[in-house]
Amino acid sequence: MKKYLIIAAGAIAVSAGANLQAADLEAGAATYQPCVACHGPAGEGQAIFPALTGQDADYLADKLERYRAGEQVGENTALMTPHATGLSDEEIENVSAYIAEEFN
């Protein structure tokens, strides 16, 4: 059983790494530029704007996709929805990977 857990954990780690490599981190950095005003240049957050440090790419992409769809995600939904609505799937993938890679 322990052997299977180790194999599964390894497969997940490789899969996560592949997603980061598939994403264009340079494009993600460019997409992140408007986010700096609220989330800070290193994703540290400020005041009511949450820190993005320590978040994985899948979590971030899910949040952005839900904001883009107009779902009520949390207390900052009204602030985030206009920003997320203009993002393509590729931009969401890239910016999420950039944040996860650079701010962790």
PDB file of N, CA and C in Angstrom:
ATOM      1  N   MET A   1       0.831  -1.197   0.000  1.00  0.00           N
ATOM      2  CA  MET A   1       0.000   0.000   0.000  1.00  0.00           C
ATOM      3  C   MET A   1       0.871   1.255   0.000  1.00  0.00           C
ATOM      4  N   LYS A   2       1.920   1.231   0.839  1.00  0.00           N
ATOM      5  CA  LYS A   2       2.817   2.383   0.930  1.00  0.00           C
ATOM      6  C   LYS A   2       3.477   2.657  -0.425  1.00  0.00           C
ATOM      7  N   LYS A   3       3.831   1.569  -1.117  1.00  0.00           N
ATOM      8  CA  LYS A   3       4.462   1.692  -2.433  1.00  0.00           C
ATOM      9  C   LYS A   3       3.538   2.426  -3.411  1.00  0.00           C
ATOM     10  N   TYR A   4       2.244   2.101  -3.382  1.00  0.00           N
ATOM     11  CA  TYR A   4       1.285   2.737  -4.284  1.00  0.00           C
ATOM     12  C   TYR A   4       1.105   4.216  -3.961  1.00  0.00           C
ATOM     13  N   LEU A   5       1.134   4.555  -2.676  1.00  0.00           N
ATOM     14  CA  LEU A   5       1.018   5.962  -2.284  1.00  0.00           C
ATOM     15  C   LEU A   5       2.213   6.765  -2.777  1.00  0.00           C
ATOM     16  N   ILE A   6       3.393   6.174  -2.676  1.00  0.00           N
ATOM     17  CA  ILE A   6       4.604   6.859  -3.144  1.00  0.00           C
ATOM     18  C   ILE A   6       4.541   7.059  -4.656  1.00  0.00           C
ATOM     19  N   ILE A   7       4.104   6.041  -5.371  1.00  0.00           N
ATOM     20  CA  ILE A   7       3.985   6.147  -6.832  1.00  0.00           C
ATOM     21  C   ILE A   7       2.952   7.206  -7.201  1.00  0.00           C
ATOM     22  N   ALA A   8       1.817   7.215  -6.516  1.00  0.00           N
ATOM     23  CA  ALA A   8       0.773   8.208  -6.793  1.00  0.00           C
ATOM     24  C   ALA A   8       1.270   9.616  -6.507  1.00  0.00           C
ATOM     25  N   ALA A   9       1.975   9.791  -5.390  1.00  0.00           N
ATOM     26  CA  ALA A   9       2.508  11.113  -5.049  1.00  0.00           C
ATOM     27  C   ALA A   9       3.512  11.570  -6.101  1.00  0.00           C
ATOM     28  N   GLY A  10       4.339  10.656  -6.571  1.00  0.00           N
ATOM     29  CA  GLY A  10       5.309  10.994  -7.606  1.00  0.00           C
ATOM     30  C   GLY A  10       4.636  11.389  -8.906  1.00  0.00           C
ATOM     31  N   ALA A  11       3.590  10.675  -9.263  1.00  0.00           N
ATOM     32  CA  ALA A  11       2.858  10.995 -10.494  1.00  0.00           C
ATOM     33  C   ALA A  11       2.213  12.364 -10.406  1.00  0.00           C
ATOM     34  N   ILE A  12       1.675  12.693  -9.253  1.00  0.00           N
ATOM     35  CA  ILE A  12       1.067  14.014  -9.068  1.00  0.00           C
ATOM     36  C   ILE A  12       2.123  15.099  -9.172  1.00  0.00           C
ATOM     37  N   ALA A  13       3.273  14.887  -8.549  1.00  0.00           N
ATOM     38  CA  ALA A  13       4.350  15.882  -8.593  1.00  0.00           C
ATOM     39  C   ALA A  13       4.836  16.093 -10.023  1.00  0.00           C
ATOM     40  N   VAL A  14       5.005  15.013 -10.767  1.00  0.00           N
ATOM     41  CA  VAL A  14       5.444  15.126 -12.160  1.00  0.00           C
ATOM     42  C   VAL A  14       4.390  15.853 -12.979  1.00  0.00           C
ATOM     43  N   SER A  15       3.134  15.533 -12.755  1.00  0.00           N
ATOM     44  CA  SER A  15       2.038  16.185 -13.468  1.00  0.00           C
ATOM     45  C   SER A  15       2.017  17.678 -13.192  1.00  0.00           C
ATOM     46  N   ALA A  16       2.180  18.074 -11.939  1.00  0.00           N
ATOM     47  CA  ALA A  16       2.193  19.499 -11.584  1.00  0.00           C
ATOM     48  C   ALA A  16       3.367  20.194 -12.247  1.00  0.00           C
ATOM     49  N   GLY A  17       4.518  19.556 -12.261  1.00  0.00           N
ATOM     50  CA  GLY A  17       5.685  20.139 -12.908  1.00  0.00           C
ATOM     51  C   GLY A  17       5.484  20.293 -14.401  1.00  0.00           C
ATOM     52  N   ALA A  18       4.825  19.328 -15.014  1.00  0.00           N
ATOM     53  CA  ALA A  18       4.557  19.401 -16.453  1.00  0.00           C
ATOM     54  C   ALA A  18       3.645  20.570 -16.768  1.00  0.00           C
ATOM     55  N   ASN A  19       2.653  20.828 -15.919  1.00  0.00           N
ATOM     56  CA  ASN A  19       1.757  21.957 -16.149  1.00  0.00           C
ATOM     57  C   ASN A  19       2.511  23.269 -16.088  1.00  0.00           C
ATOM     58  N   LEU A  20       3.440  23.405 -15.139  1.00  0.00           N
ATOM     59  CA  LEU A  20       4.214  24.635 -15.036  1.00  0.00           C
ATOM     60  C   LEU A  20       5.106  24.808 -16.255  1.00  0.00           C
ATOM     61  N   GLN A  21       5.680  23.704 -16.750  1.00  0.00           N
ATOM     62  CA  GLN A  21       6.548  23.799 -17.912  1.00  0.00           C
ATOM     63  C   GLN A  21       5.752  24.120 -19.166  1.00  0.00           C
ATOM     64  N   ALA A  22       4.535  23.614 -19.262  1.00  0.00           N
ATOM     65  CA  ALA A  22       3.709  23.857 -20.443  1.00  0.00           C
ATOM     66  C   ALA A  22       3.251  25.307 -20.504  1.00  0.00           C
ATOM     67  N   ALA A  23       3.106  25.927 -19.344  1.00  0.00           N
ATOM     68  CA  ALA A  23       2.663  27.317 -19.299  1.00  0.00           C
ATOM     69  C   ALA A  23       3.808  28.234 -19.715  1.00  0.00           C
ATOM     70  N   ASP A  24       3.462  29.372 -20.246  1.00  0.00           N
ATOM     71  CA  ASP A  24       4.430  30.383 -20.652  1.00  0.00           C
ATOM     72  C   ASP A  24       4.584  31.370 -19.492  1.00  0.00           C
ATOM     73  N   LEU A  25       5.654  31.193 -18.710  1.00  0.00           N
ATOM     74  CA  LEU A  25       5.842  32.020 -17.517  1.00  0.00           C
ATOM     75  C   LEU A  25       6.108  33.481 -17.867  1.00  0.00           C
ATOM     76  N   GLU A  26       6.749  33.725 -18.991  1.00  0.00           N
ATOM     77  CA  GLU A  26       6.996  35.109 -19.416  1.00  0.00           C
ATOM     78  C   GLU A  26       5.672  35.811 -19.738  1.00  0.00           C
ATOM     79  N   ALA A  27       4.803  35.110 -20.437  1.00  0.00           N
ATOM     80  CA  ALA A  27       3.475  35.668 -20.728  1.00  0.00           C
ATOM     81  C   ALA A  27       2.681  35.833 -19.439  1.00  0.00           C
ATOM     82  N   GLY A  28       2.846  34.894 -18.510  1.00  0.00           N
ATOM     83  CA  GLY A  28       2.180  34.992 -17.216  1.00  0.00           C
ATOM     84  C   GLY A  28       2.625  36.216 -16.441  1.00  0.00           C
ATOM     85  N   ALA A  29       3.921  36.528 -16.519  1.00  0.00           N
ATOM     86  CA  ALA A  29       4.447  37.724 -15.846  1.00  0.00           C
ATOM     87  C   ALA A  29       3.815  38.981 -16.432  1.00  0.00           C
ATOM     88  N   ALA A  30       3.653  39.012 -17.742  1.00  0.00           N
ATOM     89  CA  ALA A  30       3.027  40.171 -18.390  1.00  0.00           C
ATOM     90  C   ALA A  30       1.555  40.282 -17.991  1.00  0.00           C
ATOM     91  N   THR A  31       0.869  39.161 -17.935  1.00  0.00           N
ATOM     92  CA  THR A  31      -0.543  39.166 -17.533  1.00  0.00           C
ATOM     93  C   THR A  31      -0.688  39.612 -16.087  1.00  0.00           C
ATOM     94  N   TYR A  32       0.302  39.315 -15.251  1.00  0.00           N
ATOM     95  CA  TYR A  32       0.241  39.661 -13.825  1.00  0.00           C
ATOM     96  C   TYR A  32       0.396  41.166 -13.572  1.00  0.00           C
ATOM     97  N   GLN A  33       0.954  41.915 -14.493  1.00  0.00           N
ATOM     98  CA  GLN A  33       1.263  43.328 -14.244  1.00  0.00           C
ATOM     99  C   GLN A  33       0.092  44.149 -13.692  1.00  0.00           C
ATOM    100  N   PRO A  34      -1.121  44.044 -14.206  1.00  0.00           N
ATOM    101  CA  PRO A  34      -2.229  44.808 -13.610  1.00  0.00           C
ATOM    102  C   PRO A  34      -2.565  44.357 -12.183  1.00  0.00           C
ATOM    103  N   CYS A  35      -2.198  43.139 -11.837  1.00  0.00           N
ATOM    104  CA  CYS A  35      -2.495  42.576 -10.512  1.00  0.00           C
ATOM    105  C   CYS A  35      -1.625  43.201  -9.421  1.00  0.00           C
ATOM    106  N   VAL A  36      -0.473  43.753  -9.839  1.00  0.00           N
ATOM    107  CA  VAL A  36       0.491  44.324  -8.895  1.00  0.00           C
ATOM    108  C   VAL A  36      -0.141  45.414  -8.039  1.00  0.00           C
ATOM    109  N   ALA A  37      -1.030  46.199  -8.616  1.00  0.00           N
ATOM    110  CA  ALA A  37      -1.633  47.320  -7.893  1.00  0.00           C
ATOM    111  C   ALA A  37      -2.300  46.871  -6.598  1.00  0.00           C
ATOM    112  N   CYS A  38      -2.905  45.710  -6.599  1.00  0.00           N
ATOM    113  CA  CYS A  38      -3.604  45.227  -5.398  1.00  0.00           C
ATOM    114  C   CYS A  38      -2.847  44.120  -4.668  1.00  0.00           C
ATOM    115  N   HIS A  39      -2.273  43.192  -5.423  1.00  0.00           N
ATOM    116  CA  HIS A  39      -1.638  42.028  -4.806  1.00  0.00           C
ATOM    117  C   HIS A  39      -0.145  42.213  -4.559  1.00  0.00           C
ATOM    118  N   GLY A  40       0.440  43.292  -5.079  1.00  0.00           N
ATOM    119  CA  GLY A  40       1.851  43.583  -4.851  1.00  0.00           C
ATOM    120  C   GLY A  40       2.761  42.915  -5.863  1.00  0.00           C
ATOM    121  N   PRO A  41       3.983  43.446  -6.017  1.00  0.00           N
ATOM    122  CA  PRO A  41       4.915  42.931  -7.017  1.00  0.00           C
ATOM    123  C   PRO A  41       5.398  41.509  -6.733  1.00  0.00           C
ATOM    124  N   ALA A  42       5.329  41.082  -5.486  1.00  0.00           N
ATOM    125  CA  ALA A  42       5.747  39.724  -5.131  1.00  0.00           C
ATOM    126  C   ALA A  42       4.571  38.905  -4.605  1.00  0.00           C
ATOM    127  N   GLY A  43       3.347  39.349  -4.921  1.00  0.00           N
ATOM    128  CA  GLY A  43       2.164  38.619  -4.500  1.00  0.00           C
ATOM    129  C   GLY A  43       1.904  38.642  -3.009  1.00  0.00           C
ATOM    130  N   GLU A  44       2.492  39.626  -2.323  1.00  0.00           N
ATOM    131  CA  GLU A  44       2.396  39.675  -0.860  1.00  0.00           C
ATOM    132  C   GLU A  44       1.053  40.176  -0.346  1.00  0.00           C
ATOM    133  N   GLY A  45       0.256  40.774  -1.216  1.00  0.00           N
ATOM    134  CA  GLY A  45      -1.050  41.292  -0.813  1.00  0.00           C
ATOM    135  C   GLY A  45      -0.909  42.551   0.028  1.00  0.00           C
ATOM    136  N   GLN A  46      -2.030  43.191   0.281  1.00  0.00           N
ATOM    137  CA  GLN A  46      -2.046  44.388   1.121  1.00  0.00           C
ATOM    138  C   GLN A  46      -3.488  44.692   1.500  1.00  0.00           C
ATOM    139  N   ALA A  47      -3.671  45.248   2.663  1.00  0.00           N
ATOM    140  CA  ALA A  47      -5.001  45.621   3.166  1.00  0.00           C
ATOM    141  C   ALA A  47      -6.015  44.506   2.907  1.00  0.00           C
ATOM    142  N   ILE A  48      -7.053  44.792   2.121  1.00  0.00           N
ATOM    143  CA  ILE A  48      -8.096  43.786   1.884  1.00  0.00           C
ATOM    144  C   ILE A  48      -7.751  42.828   0.749  1.00  0.00           C
ATOM    145  N   PHE A  49      -6.631  43.048   0.092  1.00  0.00           N
ATOM    146  CA  PHE A  49      -6.254  42.224  -1.054  1.00  0.00           C
ATOM    147  C   PHE A  49      -5.359  41.083  -0.578  1.00  0.00           C
ATOM    148  N   PRO A  50      -5.777  39.838  -0.788  1.00  0.00           N
ATOM    149  CA  PRO A  50      -5.046  38.700  -0.223  1.00  0.00           C
ATOM    150  C   PRO A  50      -3.694  38.459  -0.878  1.00  0.00           C
ATOM    151  N   ALA A  51      -2.806  37.882  -0.092  1.00  0.00           N
ATOM    152  CA  ALA A  51      -1.515  37.439  -0.607  1.00  0.00           C
ATOM    153  C   ALA A  51      -1.749  36.258  -1.544  1.00  0.00           C
ATOM    154  N   LEU A  52      -0.937  36.172  -2.567  1.00  0.00           N
ATOM    155  CA  LEU A  52      -1.016  35.062  -3.509  1.00  0.00           C
ATOM    156  C   LEU A  52       0.117  34.066  -3.275  1.00  0.00           C
ATOM    157  N   THR A  53       1.012  34.399  -2.380  1.00  0.00           N
ATOM    158  CA  THR A  53       2.147  33.530  -2.077  1.00  0.00           C
ATOM    159  C   THR A  53       1.649  32.209  -1.497  1.00  0.00           C
ATOM    160  N   GLY A  54       2.331  31.147  -1.861  1.00  0.00           N
ATOM    161  CA  GLY A  54       2.005  29.835  -1.318  1.00  0.00           C
ATOM    162  C   GLY A  54       0.839  29.127  -1.984  1.00  0.00           C
ATOM    163  N   GLN A  55       0.256  29.714  -3.010  1.00  0.00           N
ATOM    164  CA  GLN A  55      -0.882  29.084  -3.695  1.00  0.00           C
ATOM    165  C   GLN A  55      -0.381  28.271  -4.888  1.00  0.00           C
ATOM    166  N   ASP A  56      -1.029  27.138  -5.141  1.00  0.00           N
ATOM    167  CA  ASP A  56      -0.618  26.369  -6.314  1.00  0.00           C
ATOM    168  C   ASP A  56      -1.402  26.816  -7.549  1.00  0.00           C
ATOM    169  N   ALA A  57      -0.866  26.486  -8.703  1.00  0.00           N
ATOM    170  CA  ALA A  57      -1.415  26.964  -9.974  1.00  0.00           C
ATOM    171  C   ALA A  57      -2.855  26.505 -10.198  1.00  0.00           C
ATOM    172  N   ASP A  58      -3.160  25.269  -9.844  1.00  0.00           N
ATOM    173  CA  ASP A  58      -4.521  24.767 -10.062  1.00  0.00           C
ATOM    174  C   ASP A  58      -5.537  25.539  -9.228  1.00  0.00           C
ATOM    175  N   TYR A  59      -5.186  25.840  -7.984  1.00  0.00           N
ATOM    176  CA  TYR A  59      -6.077  26.609  -7.109  1.00  0.00           C
ATOM    177  C   TYR A  59      -6.328  27.995  -7.699  1.00  0.00           C
ATOM    178  N   LEU A  60      -5.249  28.658  -8.116  1.00  0.00           N
ATOM    179  CA  LEU A  60      -5.367  30.004  -8.676  1.00  0.00           C
ATOM    180  C   LEU A  60      -6.189  30.002  -9.962  1.00  0.00           C
ATOM    181  N   ALA A  61      -5.925  29.039 -10.832  1.00  0.00           N
ATOM    182  CA  ALA A  61      -6.668  28.952 -12.095  1.00  0.00           C
ATOM    183  C   ALA A  61      -8.153  28.718 -11.828  1.00  0.00           C
ATOM    184  N   ASP A  62      -8.456  27.855 -10.873  1.00  0.00           N
ATOM    185  CA  ASP A  62      -9.855  27.594 -10.530  1.00  0.00           C
ATOM    186  C   ASP A  62     -10.549  28.870 -10.062  1.00  0.00           C
ATOM    187  N   LYS A  63      -9.884  29.621  -9.193  1.00  0.00           N
ATOM    188  CA  LYS A  63     -10.472  30.872  -8.698  1.00  0.00           C
ATOM    189  C   LYS A  63     -10.708  31.849  -9.852  1.00  0.00           C
ATOM    190  N   LEU A  64      -9.706  32.018 -10.713  1.00  0.00           N
ATOM    191  CA  LEU A  64      -9.852  32.953 -11.832  1.00  0.00           C
ATOM    192  C   LEU A  64     -10.962  32.521 -12.786  1.00  0.00           C
ATOM    193  N   GLU A  65     -11.053  31.225 -13.049  1.00  0.00           N
ATOM    194  CA  GLU A  65     -12.115  30.727 -13.931  1.00  0.00           C
ATOM    195  C   GLU A  65     -13.490  30.974 -13.312  1.00  0.00           C
ATOM    196  N   ARG A  66     -13.598  30.803 -12.013  1.00  0.00           N
ATOM    197  CA  ARG A  66     -14.876  31.036 -11.332  1.00  0.00           C
ATOM    198  C   ARG A  66     -15.215  32.525 -11.314  1.00  0.00           C
ATOM    199  N   TYR A  67     -14.226  33.378 -11.088  1.00  0.00           N
ATOM    200  CA  TYR A  67     -14.474  34.828 -11.172  1.00  0.00           C
ATOM    201  C   TYR A  67     -14.952  35.189 -12.575  1.00  0.00           C
ATOM    202  N   ARG A  68     -14.258  34.645 -13.575  1.00  0.00           N
ATOM    203  CA  ARG A  68     -14.594  34.941 -14.970  1.00  0.00           C
ATOM    204  C   ARG A  68     -16.020  34.509 -15.305  1.00  0.00           C
ATOM    205  N   ALA A  69     -16.461  33.404 -14.715  1.00  0.00           N
ATOM    206  CA  ALA A  69     -17.813  32.890 -14.953  1.00  0.00           C
ATOM    207  C   ALA A  69     -18.872  33.670 -14.184  1.00  0.00           C
ATOM    208  N   GLY A  70     -18.426  34.590 -13.324  1.00  0.00           N
ATOM    209  CA  GLY A  70     -19.366  35.402 -12.564  1.00  0.00           C
ATOM    210  C   GLY A  70     -19.858  34.763 -11.282  1.00  0.00           C
ATOM    211  N   GLU A  71     -19.198  33.681 -10.856  1.00  0.00           N
ATOM    212  CA  GLU A  71     -19.586  33.023  -9.607  1.00  0.00           C
ATOM    213  C   GLU A  71     -19.194  33.884  -8.410  1.00  0.00           C
ATOM    214  N   GLN A  72     -19.965  33.788  -7.358  1.00  0.00           N
ATOM    215  CA  GLN A  72     -19.622  34.447  -6.097  1.00  0.00           C
ATOM    216  C   GLN A  72     -18.582  33.566  -5.417  1.00  0.00           C
ATOM    217  N   VAL A  73     -17.336  34.011  -5.404  1.00  0.00           N
ATOM    218  CA  VAL A  73     -16.234  33.202  -4.895  1.00  0.00           C
ATOM    219  C   VAL A  73     -15.868  33.593  -3.471  1.00  0.00           C
ATOM    220  N   GLY A  74     -15.990  34.841  -3.154  1.00  0.00           N
ATOM    221  CA  GLY A  74     -15.624  35.327  -1.827  1.00  0.00           C
ATOM    222  C   GLY A  74     -15.946  36.798  -1.731  1.00  0.00           C
ATOM    223  N   GLU A  75     -15.430  37.417  -0.697  1.00  0.00           N
ATOM    224  CA  GLU A  75     -15.776  38.824  -0.458  1.00  0.00           C
ATOM    225  C   GLU A  75     -15.210  39.785  -1.500  1.00  0.00           C
ATOM    226  N   ASN A  76     -14.215  39.370  -2.258  1.00  0.00           N
ATOM    227  CA  ASN A  76     -13.626  40.245  -3.276  1.00  0.00           C
ATOM    228  C   ASN A  76     -14.125  39.948  -4.691  1.00  0.00           C
ATOM    229  N   THR A  77     -15.188  39.175  -4.807  1.00  0.00           N
ATOM    230  CA  THR A  77     -15.705  38.805  -6.128  1.00  0.00           C
ATOM    231  C   THR A  77     -15.996  40.028  -6.991  1.00  0.00           C
ATOM    232  N   ALA A  78     -16.629  41.030  -6.420  1.00  0.00           N
ATOM    233  CA  ALA A  78     -16.984  42.226  -7.199  1.00  0.00           C
ATOM    234  C   ALA A  78     -15.745  42.940  -7.725  1.00  0.00           C
ATOM    235  N   LEU A  79     -14.640  42.850  -6.999  1.00  0.00           N
ATOM    236  CA  LEU A  79     -13.395  43.480  -7.444  1.00  0.00           C
ATOM    237  C   LEU A  79     -12.686  42.640  -8.502  1.00  0.00           C
ATOM    238  N   MET A  80     -12.749  41.323  -8.367  1.00  0.00           N
ATOM    239  CA  MET A  80     -11.991  40.440  -9.249  1.00  0.00           C
ATOM    240  C   MET A  80     -12.695  40.121 -10.569  1.00  0.00           C
ATOM    241  N   THR A  81     -14.006  40.058 -10.562  1.00  0.00           N
ATOM    242  CA  THR A  81     -14.739  39.648 -11.762  1.00  0.00           C
ATOM    243  C   THR A  81     -14.397  40.489 -12.991  1.00  0.00           C
ATOM    244  N   PRO A  82     -14.362  41.829 -12.897  1.00  0.00           N
ATOM    245  CA  PRO A  82     -14.022  42.607 -14.099  1.00  0.00           C
ATOM    246  C   PRO A  82     -12.617  42.305 -14.636  1.00  0.00           C
ATOM    247  N   HIS A  83     -11.694  41.979 -13.759  1.00  0.00           N
ATOM    248  CA  HIS A  83     -10.331  41.661 -14.206  1.00  0.00           C
ATOM    249  C   HIS A  83     -10.282  40.288 -14.871  1.00  0.00           C
ATOM    250  N   ALA A  84     -10.976  39.325 -14.288  1.00  0.00           N
ATOM    251  CA  ALA A  84     -10.935  37.955 -14.794  1.00  0.00           C
ATOM    252  C   ALA A  84     -11.737  37.777 -16.075  1.00  0.00           C
ATOM    253  N   THR A  85     -12.772  38.599 -16.274  1.00  0.00           N
ATOM    254  CA  THR A  85     -13.643  38.418 -17.440  1.00  0.00           C
ATOM    255  C   THR A  85     -12.884  38.537 -18.750  1.00  0.00           C
ATOM    256  N   GLY A  86     -11.878  39.350 -18.797  1.00  0.00           N
ATOM    257  CA  GLY A  86     -11.136  39.542 -20.031  1.00  0.00           C
ATOM    258  C   GLY A  86     -10.021  38.539 -20.266  1.00  0.00           C
ATOM    259  N   LEU A  87      -9.820  37.610 -19.349  1.00  0.00           N
ATOM    260  CA  LEU A  87      -8.719  36.653 -19.484  1.00  0.00           C
ATOM    261  C   LEU A  87      -9.135  35.426 -20.286  1.00  0.00           C
ATOM    262  N   SER A  88      -8.262  35.007 -21.189  1.00  0.00           N
ATOM    263  CA  SER A  88      -8.492  33.766 -21.939  1.00  0.00           C
ATOM    264  C   SER A  88      -8.065  32.580 -21.068  1.00  0.00           C
ATOM    265  N   ASP A  89      -8.408  31.377 -21.499  1.00  0.00           N
ATOM    266  CA  ASP A  89      -7.963  30.174 -20.783  1.00  0.00           C
ATOM    267  C   ASP A  89      -6.439  30.136 -20.703  1.00  0.00           C
ATOM    268  N   GLU A  90      -5.786  30.480 -21.807  1.00  0.00           N
ATOM    269  CA  GLU A  90      -4.324  30.458 -21.853  1.00  0.00           C
ATOM    270  C   GLU A  90      -3.724  31.481 -20.890  1.00  0.00           C
ATOM    271  N   GLU A  91      -4.297  32.668 -20.836  1.00  0.00           N
ATOM    272  CA  GLU A  91      -3.800  33.688 -19.910  1.00  0.00           C
ATOM    273  C   GLU A  91      -3.976  33.245 -18.458  1.00  0.00           C
ATOM    274  N   ILE A  92      -5.099  32.613 -18.161  1.00  0.00           N
ATOM    275  CA  ILE A  92      -5.320  32.105 -16.802  1.00  0.00           C
ATOM    276  C   ILE A  92      -4.285  31.043 -16.465  1.00  0.00           C
ATOM    277  N   GLU A  93      -4.035  30.128 -17.390  1.00  0.00           N
ATOM    278  CA  GLU A  93      -3.025  29.086 -17.166  1.00  0.00           C
ATOM    279  C   GLU A  93      -1.649  29.713 -16.943  1.00  0.00           C
ATOM    280  N   ASN A  94      -1.292  30.667 -17.788  1.00  0.00           N
ATOM    281  CA  ASN A  94       0.031  31.282 -17.698  1.00  0.00           C
ATOM    282  C   ASN A  94       0.216  32.093 -16.424  1.00  0.00           C
ATOM    283  N   VAL A  95      -0.755  32.926 -16.082  1.00  0.00           N
ATOM    284  CA  VAL A  95      -0.599  33.771 -14.898  1.00  0.00           C
ATOM    285  C   VAL A  95      -0.643  32.925 -13.627  1.00  0.00           C
ATOM    286  N   SER A  96      -1.452  31.885 -13.613  1.00  0.00           N
ATOM    287  CA  SER A  96      -1.515  30.999 -12.446  1.00  0.00           C
ATOM    288  C   SER A  96      -0.188  30.273 -12.247  1.00  0.00           C
ATOM    289  N   ALA A  97       0.385  29.790 -13.340  1.00  0.00           N
ATOM    290  CA  ALA A  97       1.682  29.114 -13.260  1.00  0.00           C
ATOM    291  C   ALA A  97       2.774  30.087 -12.834  1.00  0.00           C
ATOM    292  N   TYR A  98       2.734  31.295 -13.370  1.00  0.00           N
ATOM    293  CA  TYR A  98       3.723  32.317 -13.007  1.00  0.00           C
ATOM    294  C   TYR A  98       3.673  32.609 -11.509  1.00  0.00           C
ATOM    295  N   ILE A  99       2.480  32.843 -10.978  1.00  0.00           N
ATOM    296  CA  ILE A  99       2.331  33.153  -9.555  1.00  0.00           C
ATOM    297  C   ILE A  99       2.819  31.980  -8.707  1.00  0.00           C
ATOM    298  N   ALA A 100       2.404  30.766  -9.062  1.00  0.00           N
ATOM    299  CA  ALA A 100       2.799  29.581  -8.294  1.00  0.00           C
ATOM    300  C   ALA A 100       4.310  29.370  -8.333  1.00  0.00           C
ATOM    301  N   GLU A 101       4.914  29.637  -9.465  1.00  0.00           N
ATOM    302  CA  GLU A 101       6.364  29.430  -9.620  1.00  0.00           C
ATOM    303  C   GLU A 101       7.170  30.536  -8.954  1.00  0.00           C
ATOM    304  N   GLU A 102       6.783  31.768  -9.157  1.00  0.00           N
ATOM    305  CA  GLU A 102       7.583  32.905  -8.697  1.00  0.00           C
ATOM    306  C   GLU A 102       7.362  33.278  -7.236  1.00  0.00           C
ATOM    307  N   PHE A 103       6.183  33.023  -6.709  1.00  0.00           N
ATOM    308  CA  PHE A 103       5.852  33.515  -5.369  1.00  0.00           C
ATOM    309  C   PHE A 103       5.804  32.416  -4.322  1.00  0.00           C
ATOM    310  N   ASN A 104       6.359  31.252  -4.607  1.00  0.00           N
ATOM    311  CA  ASN A 104       6.398  30.162  -3.622  1.00  0.00           C
ATOM    312  C   ASN A 104       7.804  29.864  -3.200  1.00  0.00           C
TER     313      ASN A 104
END
